[in-house]
Amino acid sequence: MDIKTIAEASAESERQTVGWGVSFLLDGDLLFDTFSSEHVLEKNLFNLNIDVKKLKYIVISHEHHDHAGGLWYVLSENPAVKRVPGLISE
């Protein structure tokens, strides 16, 4: 399994400057969580040369803002991405 960190803020200084949360890319096509800021998520995906339109799946671990803040950005760019039932409403 290939795991790439898209965004994370675990240090206090990071939380103060970029926000709180996590986002990981698994095996190149599954986005796990979307950080707290859609702008940070978008910038990091661009910087990592990851095309959001090529994502196949998205999982939001739970409904806190620091895990789902970039969700609407992803869905607006890739409405065909498959949401894991039960975690994200269809």
Protein backbone atom coordinates (compact mmCIF):
# COMPACT_ATOMS: atom_id res chain seq x y z
CA MET A 1 0.00 0.00 0.00
CA ASP A 2 1.32 3.42 -0.99
CA ILE A 3 0.46 6.23 1.46
CA LYS A 4 1.18 9.90 0.78
CA THR A 5 0.60 12.65 3.29
CA ILE A 6 -1.34 15.43 1.59
CA ALA A 7 -1.77 17.64 4.64
CA GLU A 8 -1.31 17.26 8.37
CA ALA A 9 -0.84 19.62 11.25
CA SER A 10 0.37 17.86 14.32
CA ALA A 11 2.71 20.51 15.74
CA GLU A 12 1.22 23.48 17.57
CA SER A 13 2.94 25.94 15.21
CA GLU A 14 1.41 24.19 12.17
CA ARG A 15 -2.05 24.30 13.71
CA GLN A 16 -1.69 28.04 14.25
CA THR A 17 -0.55 28.78 10.68
CA VAL A 18 -2.32 26.27 8.43
CA GLY A 19 -5.09 24.78 10.53
CA TRP A 20 -5.78 21.44 12.10
CA GLY A 21 -6.38 18.08 10.49
CA VAL A 22 -5.10 15.37 8.19
CA SER A 23 -5.42 14.13 4.63
CA PHE A 24 -3.75 11.11 3.06
CA LEU A 25 -3.72 9.60 -0.42
CA LEU A 26 -3.82 5.80 -0.47
CA ASP A 27 -2.67 3.84 -3.51
CA GLY A 28 -2.95 6.91 -5.72
CA ASP A 29 -6.75 7.01 -5.96
CA LEU A 30 -8.32 6.99 -2.49
CA LEU A 31 -8.35 10.23 -0.52
CA PHE A 32 -8.69 9.67 3.22
CA ASP A 33 -9.94 12.84 4.94
CA THR A 34 -9.64 16.32 3.47
CA PHE A 35 -7.88 18.44 6.14
CA SER A 36 -9.54 21.53 7.64
CA SER A 37 -8.83 23.97 4.83
CA GLU A 38 -9.84 23.49 1.23
CA HIS A 39 -7.18 26.03 0.21
CA VAL A 40 -4.36 24.07 1.89
CA LEU A 41 -5.70 20.82 0.44
CA GLU A 42 -5.94 22.28 -3.08
CA LYS A 43 -2.44 23.80 -2.88
CA ASN A 44 -0.87 20.60 -1.55
CA LEU A 45 -2.56 18.40 -4.15
CA PHE A 46 -1.27 20.76 -6.85
CA ASN A 47 2.25 20.82 -5.37
CA LEU A 48 2.28 17.01 -5.21
CA ASN A 49 1.06 16.82 -8.83
CA ILE A 50 -2.11 14.96 -7.85
CA ASP A 51 -5.08 15.48 -10.15
CA VAL A 52 -8.21 15.58 -7.99
CA LYS A 53 -10.26 14.59 -11.06
CA LYS A 54 -8.48 11.22 -11.11
CA LEU A 55 -9.45 10.27 -7.57
CA LYS A 56 -11.77 7.25 -7.50
CA TYR A 57 -12.73 7.10 -3.83
CA ILE A 58 -13.02 9.39 -0.83
CA VAL A 59 -13.38 8.47 2.82
CA ILE A 60 -14.12 10.89 5.63
CA SER A 61 -13.20 9.23 8.91
CA HIS A 62 -15.70 11.29 10.90
CA GLU A 63 -17.67 14.50 10.61
CA HIS A 64 -15.32 16.94 12.34
CA HIS A 65 -14.24 19.98 10.35
CA ASP A 66 -10.54 19.11 10.60
CA HIS A 67 -11.22 15.95 8.61
CA ALA A 68 -13.84 17.24 6.18
CA GLY A 69 -12.94 20.90 5.54
CA GLY A 70 -11.81 20.28 1.97
CA LEU A 71 -14.63 17.90 1.06
CA TRP A 72 -16.67 20.38 -0.98
CA TYR A 73 -13.59 21.35 -2.98
CA VAL A 74 -13.00 17.71 -3.92
CA LEU A 75 -16.67 17.12 -4.77
CA SER A 76 -16.87 20.29 -6.86
CA GLU A 77 -13.81 19.26 -8.89
CA ASN A 78 -14.68 15.57 -9.10
CA PRO A 79 -18.40 14.89 -8.63
CA ALA A 80 -17.88 11.31 -9.86
CA VAL A 81 -15.66 10.34 -6.94
CA LYS A 82 -17.21 7.41 -5.08
CA ARG A 83 -18.10 8.14 -1.50
CA VAL A 84 -17.88 5.33 1.02
CA PRO A 85 -21.49 4.62 2.07
CA GLY A 86 -22.31 5.43 5.63
CA LEU A 87 -19.48 7.90 6.09
CA ILE A 88 -20.49 10.49 3.49
CA SER A 89 -24.09 10.90 2.51
CA GLU A 90 -24.74 10.31 -1.17
